[in-house]
Amino acid sequence: MEYGLTEKGFVAKPLHVILDEERAAYRNTFGEDIDLSNDSVDGAYVGNQAIKLAQLWELLEGLWMSADVDSARGIYLDRLAAFVNVQRQAASGTTVNAALWGEAGTVVHAGHLARLNGGRIFRLTRTVAIDAGSLLGFTFRVIEALAGATYSFQISGSIVSHTATGADTEETIQAALIRQLDAAIYESEDNGEDGVTVYSREGIRPFGLALDDPRIEVVSMGAFGVYEAEEPGPLFVPAGALNTIVTNVNGLDSVVNYATGITGRNAESDTELRNNLDGRQRQASGNEISIRNELLKLSGVQFARVYSNRTMQVHNGRPPKSYEAVVMGGDAREIAGAIFENGPAGVQAFGRTETIDVRDDEGNLWEIGFSRPSGLFVWIEVDIRLNREESFPPNGLPLIRESIEEWGAGNLDVGIDLIFQRLKIPVYRVPGIAWADIRVAAASTLEPPGDGDYVTANIEVGETEIALIDRGRITVRMA
């Protein structure tokens, strides 16, 4: 048999072949009648030499395998991927866009700590100054009602105003002002004498406020800040979950997130890198794959996919001759810059949620759009019966909810349908279950579904959606 580098690859010489060759060479030198049994001195010497040679063959085989994508591991696989301009995706922590509520002028330095209800710690990524320039919310109060006076402020470039009549009070003037806010962009809570709280409906895009009317008082502001989990990995953070201050700061009253966090990820495994290598190594420019590759190189980007509409009709909400990048994580301006630099000329970069102005080398502004995935909230009901031949844990019901949540974090992604039958996998991980009946419901809001909304069927997820499973929306009962 041929060993070493062959047409079929590298073939390592096995120990028994090496041992036979070494014994034959030894006898040719010292005589055919020499004792080479394992118990003899000469036999032990030949055996040790054969083992050393076998180890050298194994090293050569390992060197060969380190240059093969299908068998290389760790840093050696990283080096092979680098040859085709692909990098392993690093582990990242979940990021949360949050409002830091407090007094104007308060500075909250990078590294400030907040935590979830469940105790996980998040760290502020950049220093935040609570001012009117970048807000997720603010509270205002009309302090004087004066007939004929015009009350106004400017929010994200739009003027909101109301001219008071003799019948107006402070509360009715407040109500008139908030009625003019775009309900698709802003939420509001009218607290009467205590004022009105306005905050971003999306919870991810900050806005500016200009208010210098002496008859309107700004009670507090919720400045835009980004917190990142101290521990990397796929941790799901629902809206409102980041709400506890760990590090007290004078002038900072509360922290809250109005939008679901951008779920982090574990470091890309060797298997994931191999499976994704073919798609990510394509280096053509101006197409969907090349734009996606560049987006995935950006810091903080956990997911990117590019869709195009090459027809002359609107398709899936996309205008004619346009393309749409759907991106999870990352800085919005860096994403827009990467799309502008790598997208095709003369084709619209369409976005459902984000529009950023990018300036080219000649100073011209270009409007670049992309989309953030929208959450499709999933509710799950599980009825179980126990198997008398197995032991069901005392905390089995919460374990089932936890198992389903972990499964969702690891298996659901943007544009991936929720296959109803696969929910049995995390349910039956908990021992002691003989039978389980599972029903699901899904909606784009957090309003709980009615009994008639639950089904035993797959949940279709759109191209710009992601199914979100949270233990708070999972009910487990004994049947």
Protein backbone atom coordinates (compact mmCIF):
# COMPACT_ATOMS: atom_id res chain seq x y z
CA MET A 1 0.00 0.00 0.00
CA GLU A 2 1.15 3.56 -0.74
CA TYR A 3 1.72 5.83 2.23
CA GLY A 4 2.37 9.54 2.59
CA LEU A 5 1.11 12.05 0.01
CA THR A 6 -0.98 10.13 -2.52
CA GLU A 7 -3.52 11.03 -5.17
CA LYS A 8 -6.24 10.36 -2.60
CA GLY A 9 -4.65 12.54 0.06
CA PHE A 10 -2.32 11.81 2.95
CA VAL A 11 -2.17 8.20 4.19
CA ALA A 12 -0.38 7.68 7.52
CA LYS A 13 1.71 4.55 7.92
CA PRO A 14 0.23 2.47 10.80
CA LEU A 15 2.32 1.24 13.74
CA HIS A 16 2.19 -2.46 12.82
CA VAL A 17 3.60 -1.72 9.34
CA ILE A 18 6.38 0.43 10.80
CA LEU A 19 7.19 -2.27 13.35
CA ASP A 20 7.47 -4.96 10.65
CA GLU A 21 9.74 -2.71 8.56
CA GLU A 22 11.98 -1.88 11.52
CA ARG A 23 12.33 -5.54 12.50
CA ALA A 24 13.24 -6.47 8.91
CA ALA A 25 15.86 -3.71 8.73
CA TYR A 26 17.31 -4.71 12.13
CA ARG A 27 17.64 -8.37 11.07
CA ASN A 28 19.26 -7.37 7.76
CA THR A 29 21.94 -5.55 9.79
CA PHE A 30 22.46 -7.90 12.75
CA GLY A 31 21.38 -11.28 11.43
CA GLU A 32 18.19 -13.20 10.85
CA ASP A 33 18.52 -15.26 14.04
CA ILE A 34 18.44 -12.25 16.40
CA ASP A 35 15.73 -12.33 19.07
CA LEU A 36 13.28 -9.46 18.53
CA SER A 37 10.52 -10.65 20.83
CA ASN A 38 8.87 -8.05 23.04
CA ASP A 39 10.68 -9.36 26.11
CA SER A 40 14.17 -9.07 24.62
CA VAL A 41 16.41 -6.00 24.80
CA ASP A 42 16.67 -5.75 21.01
CA GLY A 43 12.93 -6.24 20.60
CA ALA A 44 12.15 -3.49 23.12
CA TYR A 45 14.56 -1.13 21.35
CA VAL A 46 13.01 -1.78 17.93
CA GLY A 47 9.53 -1.37 19.39
CA ASN A 48 10.40 2.01 20.94
CA GLN A 49 11.86 3.23 17.66
CA ALA A 50 8.73 2.11 15.80
CA ILE A 51 6.50 4.04 18.23
CA LYS A 52 8.55 7.22 17.73
CA LEU A 53 8.28 6.87 13.95
CA ALA A 54 4.52 6.26 14.24
CA GLN A 55 4.21 9.47 16.27
CA LEU A 56 6.04 11.36 13.53
CA TRP A 57 3.59 9.98 10.97
CA GLU A 58 0.72 11.15 13.17
CA LEU A 59 2.23 14.64 13.34
CA LEU A 60 2.53 14.71 9.55
CA GLU A 61 -1.08 13.57 9.25
CA GLY A 62 -2.16 16.31 11.68
CA LEU A 63 -0.25 18.88 9.63
CA TRP A 64 -2.01 17.68 6.51
CA MET A 65 -5.43 17.78 8.18
CA SER A 66 -4.82 21.32 9.46
CA ALA A 67 -4.79 22.45 5.83
CA ASP A 68 -8.10 20.71 5.06
CA VAL A 69 -11.28 22.70 5.76
CA ASP A 70 -13.24 19.53 6.52
CA SER A 71 -10.87 18.40 9.29
CA ALA A 72 -9.09 21.55 10.54
CA ARG A 73 -10.14 22.84 13.95
CA GLY A 74 -9.72 25.96 16.02
CA ILE A 75 -7.06 28.43 14.94
CA TYR A 76 -6.12 26.27 11.93
CA LEU A 77 -9.65 26.52 10.57
CA ASP A 78 -9.55 30.28 11.22
CA ARG A 79 -6.39 30.53 9.09
CA LEU A 80 -8.00 28.61 6.21
CA ALA A 81 -11.07 30.83 6.39
CA ALA A 82 -8.85 33.93 6.28
CA PHE A 83 -7.52 32.82 2.88
CA VAL A 84 -11.01 33.45 1.45
CA ASN A 85 -11.55 36.63 3.49
CA VAL A 86 -13.90 35.08 6.04
CA GLN A 87 -13.63 35.55 9.80
CA ARG A 88 -15.16 33.48 12.57
CA GLN A 89 -18.01 35.37 14.24
CA ALA A 90 -17.00 36.14 17.81
CA ALA A 91 -19.21 35.71 20.84
CA SER A 92 -21.29 38.78 21.63
CA GLY A 93 -23.52 39.85 24.45
CA THR A 94 -27.15 40.84 24.10
CA THR A 95 -27.51 44.60 23.62
CA VAL A 96 -30.46 46.63 24.85
CA ASN A 97 -31.52 50.13 23.83
CA ALA A 98 -32.73 51.79 27.02
CA ALA A 99 -34.02 55.10 28.31
CA LEU A 100 -32.05 56.58 31.21
CA TRP A 101 -34.60 58.70 33.08
CA GLY A 102 -33.45 61.55 35.26
CA GLU A 103 -32.69 65.23 35.60
CA ALA A 104 -31.38 67.23 32.66
CA GLY A 105 -27.62 67.63 32.80
CA THR A 106 -26.97 64.33 34.58
CA VAL A 107 -24.02 62.39 33.14
CA VAL A 108 -23.99 58.60 33.34
CA HIS A 109 -20.56 57.25 32.50
CA ALA A 110 -19.76 54.21 30.39
CA GLY A 111 -19.68 51.08 32.52
CA HIS A 112 -22.80 51.98 34.52
CA LEU A 113 -24.52 48.78 35.65
CA ALA A 114 -28.17 47.78 35.37
CA ARG A 115 -29.77 44.37 35.62
CA LEU A 116 -32.73 42.31 34.49
CA ASN A 117 -35.48 40.98 36.67
CA GLY A 118 -33.67 37.65 36.64
CA GLY A 119 -30.42 39.17 37.87
CA ARG A 120 -28.27 39.26 34.73
CA ILE A 121 -25.98 42.31 34.70
CA PHE A 122 -25.71 44.77 31.79
CA ARG A 123 -23.08 47.45 31.30
CA LEU A 124 -23.56 50.85 29.59
CA THR A 125 -21.41 50.90 26.44
CA ARG A 126 -20.97 54.69 26.10
CA THR A 127 -21.24 57.70 28.39
CA VAL A 128 -24.71 59.25 28.27
CA ALA A 129 -25.57 62.87 29.06
CA ILE A 130 -29.24 63.36 29.83
CA ASP A 131 -30.19 66.22 27.52
CA ALA A 132 -32.71 67.03 24.80
CA GLY A 133 -30.47 65.98 21.92
CA SER A 134 -30.97 62.20 22.05
CA LEU A 135 -34.04 60.94 23.87
CA LEU A 136 -36.26 57.90 24.03
CA GLY A 137 -38.78 59.75 26.20
CA PHE A 138 -39.59 62.87 28.20
CA THR A 139 -42.21 64.10 30.65
CA PHE A 140 -43.67 67.61 30.34
CA ARG A 141 -46.28 69.59 32.22
CA VAL A 142 -48.24 72.74 31.33
CA ILE A 143 -47.86 75.04 34.32
CA GLU A 144 -50.15 77.86 33.21
CA ALA A 145 -53.31 78.02 31.08
CA LEU A 146 -53.60 81.34 29.28
CA ALA A 147 -56.35 82.02 26.73
CA GLY A 148 -54.98 83.00 23.34
CA ALA A 149 -51.47 81.78 24.11
CA THR A 150 -49.81 79.30 21.78
CA TYR A 151 -48.11 76.34 23.43
CA SER A 152 -45.54 74.54 21.31
CA PHE A 153 -42.45 72.36 21.16
CA GLN A 154 -40.48 70.67 18.41
CA ILE A 155 -39.86 66.93 18.38
CA SER A 156 -37.65 65.33 15.70
CA GLY A 157 -38.10 68.41 13.51
CA SER A 158 -41.91 68.40 13.71
CA ILE A 159 -43.66 71.28 15.49
CA VAL A 160 -46.42 70.39 17.94
CA SER A 161 -48.55 73.38 18.97
CA HIS A 162 -51.93 74.37 20.40
CA THR A 163 -53.55 77.78 20.84
CA ALA A 164 -55.49 77.83 24.08
CA THR A 165 -59.10 78.99 24.36
CA GLY A 166 -60.84 80.41 27.39
CA ALA A 167 -62.19 76.96 28.21
CA ASP A 168 -58.79 75.30 28.25
CA THR A 169 -57.06 74.13 31.42
CA GLU A 170 -53.51 72.90 31.90
CA GLU A 171 -54.73 69.31 31.47
CA THR A 172 -56.73 69.98 28.30
CA ILE A 173 -53.78 71.83 26.74
CA GLN A 174 -51.55 68.82 27.50
CA ALA A 175 -54.14 66.50 25.96
CA ALA A 176 -54.37 68.69 22.85
CA LEU A 177 -50.58 68.64 22.40
CA ILE A 178 -50.20 64.89 22.63
CA ARG A 179 -53.06 64.32 20.18
CA GLN A 180 -50.83 65.86 17.54
CA LEU A 181 -48.05 63.36 18.07
CA ASP A 182 -47.71 60.65 15.43
CA ALA A 183 -49.25 57.63 17.15
CA ALA A 184 -47.21 55.33 14.92
CA ILE A 185 -43.98 56.73 16.35
CA TYR A 186 -44.77 57.86 19.90
CA GLU A 187 -46.62 56.48 22.89
CA SER A 188 -47.98 58.85 25.53
CA GLU A 189 -49.34 58.61 29.06
CA ASP A 190 -51.45 61.52 30.32
CA ASN A 191 -51.13 61.74 34.11
CA GLY A 192 -53.16 64.91 34.53
CA GLU A 193 -51.59 67.33 36.99
CA ASP A 194 -48.39 65.29 37.05
CA GLY A 195 -47.90 65.92 33.34
CA VAL A 196 -47.59 63.79 30.22
CA THR A 197 -44.94 61.18 29.45
CA VAL A 198 -44.00 60.73 25.78
CA TYR A 199 -41.73 57.92 24.65
CA SER A 200 -40.64 56.18 21.47
CA ARG A 201 -43.01 53.43 20.39
CA GLU A 202 -40.16 51.51 18.72
CA GLY A 203 -37.85 52.05 21.66
CA ILE A 204 -34.74 51.90 19.47
CA ARG A 205 -34.59 55.21 17.58
CA PRO A 206 -33.77 58.36 19.60
CA PHE A 207 -35.35 61.71 18.86
CA GLY A 208 -34.48 65.34 19.58
CA LEU A 209 -36.57 67.82 21.57
CA ALA A 210 -36.63 71.61 21.39
CA LEU A 211 -38.80 73.18 24.09
CA ASP A 212 -38.33 76.76 25.27
CA ASP A 213 -41.95 77.70 26.04
CA PRO A 214 -41.93 79.18 29.56
CA ARG A 215 -45.44 77.84 30.19
CA ILE A 216 -44.31 74.24 29.59
CA GLU A 217 -42.02 72.55 32.09
CA VAL A 218 -39.85 69.54 31.26
CA VAL A 219 -40.16 67.37 34.35
CA SER A 220 -37.69 64.64 33.35
CA MET A 221 -35.94 63.17 30.34
CA GLY A 222 -35.19 59.62 29.23
CA ALA A 223 -31.88 59.75 27.36
CA PHE A 224 -30.96 57.09 24.82
CA GLY A 225 -28.30 54.61 25.93
CA VAL A 226 -27.11 51.14 24.96
CA TYR A 227 -26.41 48.42 27.54
CA GLU A 228 -24.62 45.17 26.78
CA ALA A 229 -24.73 41.95 28.78
CA GLU A 230 -21.54 41.28 30.74
CA GLU A 231 -21.65 37.63 29.68
CA PRO A 232 -21.78 36.85 25.94
CA GLY A 233 -24.33 34.45 24.58
CA PRO A 234 -27.94 34.21 23.36
CA LEU A 235 -29.86 35.90 26.17
CA PHE A 236 -33.37 37.07 25.24
CA VAL A 237 -34.43 40.37 26.85
CA PRO A 238 -38.11 41.33 26.44
CA ALA A 239 -39.34 44.91 26.54
CA GLY A 240 -39.35 46.31 30.06
CA ALA A 241 -37.05 43.64 31.51
CA LEU A 242 -33.98 45.86 32.02
CA ASN A 243 -35.37 48.02 34.80
CA THR A 244 -33.14 47.86 37.89
CA ILE A 245 -30.24 50.22 38.60
CA VAL A 246 -27.19 48.55 40.17
CA THR A 247 -24.84 51.56 40.25
CA ASN A 248 -26.57 54.60 41.76
CA VAL A 249 -25.92 57.97 40.10
CA ASN A 250 -27.16 61.31 41.45
CA GLY A 251 -29.83 62.61 39.10
CA LEU A 252 -30.55 59.20 37.53
CA ASP A 253 -33.99 57.93 38.57
CA SER A 254 -34.61 54.82 36.49
CA VAL A 255 -33.60 52.74 33.48
CA VAL A 256 -36.05 50.93 31.20
CA ASN A 257 -36.05 49.38 27.72
CA TYR A 258 -39.08 49.90 25.52
CA ALA A 259 -37.98 47.38 22.89
CA THR A 260 -36.82 43.79 22.86
CA GLY A 261 -33.05 43.48 23.16
CA ILE A 262 -30.83 42.39 20.28
CA THR A 263 -29.99 38.84 21.27
CA GLY A 264 -26.29 37.99 21.47
CA ARG A 265 -24.61 34.81 20.33
CA ASN A 266 -21.97 32.29 21.25
CA ALA A 267 -18.75 32.22 19.28
CA GLU A 268 -19.22 30.55 15.91
CA SER A 269 -18.34 26.89 16.28
CA ASP A 270 -16.07 24.99 13.91
CA THR A 271 -19.10 23.24 12.42
CA GLU A 272 -20.98 26.52 11.89
CA LEU A 273 -17.94 28.13 10.29
CA ARG A 274 -17.50 25.20 7.89
CA ASN A 275 -21.20 25.19 6.97
CA ASN A 276 -21.23 28.96 6.33
CA LEU A 277 -17.86 29.19 4.60
CA ASP A 278 -19.07 28.51 1.07
CA GLY A 279 -21.70 31.23 1.18
CA ARG A 280 -19.53 33.85 2.86
CA GLN A 281 -16.42 33.44 0.74
CA ARG A 282 -18.04 34.67 -2.47
CA GLN A 283 -16.29 37.94 -3.27
CA ALA A 284 -18.35 39.37 -6.12
CA SER A 285 -19.33 42.99 -5.49
CA GLY A 286 -22.70 44.67 -5.60
CA ASN A 287 -24.83 41.56 -5.06
CA GLU A 288 -26.78 40.25 -2.08
CA ILE A 289 -24.04 37.91 -0.86
CA SER A 290 -21.24 40.48 -1.00
CA ILE A 291 -23.30 43.11 0.86
CA ARG A 292 -24.19 40.53 3.50
CA ASN A 293 -20.54 39.51 3.88
CA GLU A 294 -19.49 43.10 4.54
CA LEU A 295 -22.30 43.65 7.03
CA LEU A 296 -21.30 40.55 8.99
CA LYS A 297 -17.79 41.97 9.41
CA LEU A 298 -19.14 44.95 11.39
CA SER A 299 -18.81 44.98 15.16
CA GLY A 300 -21.97 43.88 16.95
CA VAL A 301 -23.81 42.51 13.90
CA GLN A 302 -25.32 39.11 14.77
CA PHE A 303 -27.41 38.57 11.66
CA ALA A 304 -27.60 40.01 8.16
CA ARG A 305 -29.53 39.02 5.08
CA VAL A 306 -30.12 40.96 1.87
CA TYR A 307 -33.24 40.64 -0.29
CA SER A 308 -33.72 42.25 -3.68
CA ASN A 309 -36.65 43.13 -5.91
CA ARG A 310 -35.48 43.09 -9.50
CA THR A 311 -38.95 43.49 -10.98
CA MET A 312 -40.81 46.65 -11.93
CA GLN A 313 -43.60 45.96 -9.41
CA VAL A 314 -43.76 46.19 -5.63
CA HIS A 315 -42.87 42.78 -4.19
CA ASN A 316 -43.10 41.80 -0.51
CA GLY A 317 -43.35 45.48 0.35
CA ARG A 318 -40.15 46.37 -1.53
CA PRO A 319 -40.28 49.06 -4.23
CA PRO A 320 -39.34 48.17 -7.83
CA LYS A 321 -35.61 47.81 -8.47
CA SER A 322 -34.56 47.93 -4.84
CA TYR A 323 -32.79 45.80 -2.26
CA GLU A 324 -33.36 45.50 1.48
CA ALA A 325 -30.76 44.58 4.10
CA VAL A 326 -32.21 43.07 7.27
CA VAL A 327 -29.66 43.48 10.06
CA MET A 328 -29.69 42.49 13.72
CA GLY A 329 -27.24 44.34 15.96
CA GLY A 330 -24.50 46.78 15.05
CA ASP A 331 -24.29 50.55 14.81
CA ALA A 332 -26.83 52.07 12.41
CA ARG A 333 -24.39 54.50 10.80
CA GLU A 334 -21.74 51.84 10.26
CA ILE A 335 -24.37 49.59 8.67
CA ALA A 336 -25.58 52.34 6.35
CA GLY A 337 -21.97 53.10 5.38
CA ALA A 338 -21.26 49.47 4.52
CA ILE A 339 -24.43 49.25 2.40
CA PHE A 340 -23.51 52.45 0.55
CA GLU A 341 -19.94 51.32 -0.14
CA ASN A 342 -20.86 47.82 -1.34
CA GLY A 343 -24.32 48.24 -2.88
CA PRO A 344 -24.91 48.55 -6.63
CA ALA A 345 -25.10 52.04 -8.16
CA GLY A 346 -28.48 53.36 -9.23
CA VAL A 347 -30.50 50.92 -7.11
CA GLN A 348 -32.52 51.99 -4.07
CA ALA A 349 -31.35 50.77 -0.65
CA PHE A 350 -34.80 50.27 0.86
CA GLY A 351 -35.49 50.11 4.60
CA ARG A 352 -38.66 49.65 6.63
CA THR A 353 -37.30 50.93 9.94
CA GLU A 354 -34.02 52.78 9.36
CA THR A 355 -33.07 55.62 7.01
CA ILE A 356 -29.60 57.14 7.35
CA ASP A 357 -27.99 59.93 5.31
CA VAL A 358 -24.50 58.92 4.14
CA ARG A 359 -22.10 61.49 2.69
CA ASP A 360 -19.86 60.41 -0.20
CA ASP A 361 -16.30 61.60 -0.98
CA GLU A 362 -17.63 64.60 -2.87
CA GLY A 363 -19.87 65.75 -0.03
CA ASN A 364 -23.16 64.54 -1.55
CA LEU A 365 -25.78 63.03 0.74
CA TRP A 366 -27.36 59.67 -0.09
CA GLU A 367 -30.38 58.23 1.69
CA ILE A 368 -29.63 54.65 2.72
CA GLY A 369 -32.35 52.46 4.20
CA PHE A 370 -32.25 49.08 5.92
CA SER A 371 -34.49 47.15 8.26
CA ARG A 372 -34.30 45.91 11.80
CA PRO A 373 -36.11 42.60 12.43
CA SER A 374 -39.51 42.98 14.06
CA GLY A 375 -40.54 40.66 16.86
CA LEU A 376 -43.28 38.08 16.41
CA PHE A 377 -44.28 37.29 19.99
CA VAL A 378 -45.10 33.65 20.62
CA TRP A 379 -47.41 32.35 23.36
CA ILE A 380 -47.29 28.65 24.24
CA GLU A 381 -49.63 26.46 26.29
CA VAL A 382 -48.45 23.00 27.37
CA ASP A 383 -50.62 20.39 29.12
CA ILE A 384 -48.68 17.37 30.43
CA ARG A 385 -49.31 13.98 32.00
CA LEU A 386 -46.67 12.26 34.04
CA ASN A 387 -44.99 8.90 33.51
CA ARG A 388 -45.28 6.92 36.74
CA GLU A 389 -42.14 4.94 35.91
CA GLU A 390 -39.96 8.08 35.95
CA SER A 391 -39.26 10.76 38.52
CA PHE A 392 -40.65 14.20 37.62
CA PRO A 393 -38.58 17.01 39.23
CA PRO A 394 -40.27 19.06 41.98
CA ASN A 395 -39.63 22.19 39.87
CA GLY A 396 -40.57 20.42 36.65
CA LEU A 397 -43.10 22.99 35.41
CA PRO A 398 -40.68 25.95 35.49
CA LEU A 399 -37.98 23.66 34.04
CA ILE A 400 -40.20 23.04 31.02
CA ARG A 401 -40.68 26.78 30.50
CA GLU A 402 -36.93 27.34 30.83
CA SER A 403 -36.15 24.49 28.40
CA ILE A 404 -38.53 25.89 25.76
CA GLU A 405 -37.04 29.39 26.12
CA GLU A 406 -33.47 28.09 25.72
CA TRP A 407 -34.49 26.03 22.69
CA GLY A 408 -36.07 29.09 21.08
CA ALA A 409 -32.95 31.21 21.65
CA GLY A 410 -30.75 28.60 20.00
CA ASN A 411 -32.96 27.56 17.08
CA LEU A 412 -35.03 30.56 15.97
CA ASP A 413 -33.62 33.32 13.81
CA VAL A 414 -34.77 36.01 11.43
CA GLY A 415 -37.09 34.62 8.76
CA ILE A 416 -37.11 31.12 10.29
CA ASP A 417 -40.57 29.56 10.69
CA LEU A 418 -41.47 28.05 14.05
CA ILE A 419 -42.08 24.36 13.33
CA PHE A 420 -44.76 23.39 15.81
CA GLN A 421 -43.73 19.73 16.25
CA ARG A 422 -40.16 20.71 17.23
CA LEU A 423 -41.41 22.24 20.47
CA LYS A 424 -41.70 18.69 21.77
CA ILE A 425 -37.88 18.49 21.84
CA PRO A 426 -37.40 20.91 24.78
CA VAL A 427 -40.55 19.68 26.53
CA TYR A 428 -39.44 16.05 26.67
CA ARG A 429 -35.95 17.00 27.83
CA VAL A 430 -37.48 17.25 31.28
CA PRO A 431 -37.78 13.69 32.66
CA GLY A 432 -41.00 12.14 33.86
CA ILE A 433 -43.34 13.28 31.07
CA ALA A 434 -45.53 10.63 29.44
CA TRP A 435 -47.66 12.88 27.23
CA ALA A 436 -47.73 16.55 26.24
CA ASP A 437 -50.30 18.62 24.37
CA ILE A 438 -48.83 21.85 22.93
CA ARG A 439 -50.66 24.82 21.44
CA VAL A 440 -49.18 28.05 20.10
CA ALA A 441 -50.28 31.56 19.18
CA ALA A 442 -48.37 34.48 17.70
CA ALA A 443 -48.88 38.23 17.31
CA SER A 444 -46.88 41.36 16.58
CA THR A 445 -47.98 42.94 19.88
CA LEU A 446 -47.75 41.86 23.50
CA GLU A 447 -51.53 41.74 23.92
CA PRO A 448 -52.33 38.21 25.21
CA PRO A 449 -54.22 36.04 22.71
CA GLY A 450 -57.66 34.61 23.33
CA ASP A 451 -58.32 30.88 23.73
CA GLY A 452 -59.48 30.70 20.13
CA ASP A 453 -56.17 32.08 18.86
CA TYR A 454 -54.13 29.04 19.95
CA VAL A 455 -53.46 26.45 17.25
CA THR A 456 -51.53 23.23 16.71
CA ALA A 457 -49.79 24.37 13.55
CA ASN A 458 -46.55 25.94 12.35
CA ILE A 459 -46.08 29.70 12.74
CA GLU A 460 -44.99 31.40 9.56
CA VAL A 461 -42.31 34.04 10.08
CA GLY A 462 -41.78 36.80 7.53
CA GLU A 463 -38.46 37.71 5.96
CA THR A 464 -38.02 40.65 8.33
CA GLU A 465 -39.47 38.98 11.44
CA ILE A 466 -38.10 36.82 14.23
CA ALA A 467 -40.18 34.55 16.45
CA LEU A 468 -39.59 35.41 20.11
CA ILE A 469 -40.14 32.87 22.86
CA ASP A 470 -40.08 33.98 26.49
CA ARG A 471 -40.88 31.92 29.58
CA GLY A 472 -43.25 34.70 30.69
CA ARG A 473 -45.51 33.78 27.76
CA ILE A 474 -45.37 30.02 28.37
CA THR A 475 -48.07 28.27 30.42
CA VAL A 476 -47.49 24.71 31.62
CA ARG A 477 -50.25 22.75 33.36
CA MET A 478 -50.93 19.26 34.63
CA ALA A 479 -53.63 17.68 32.47
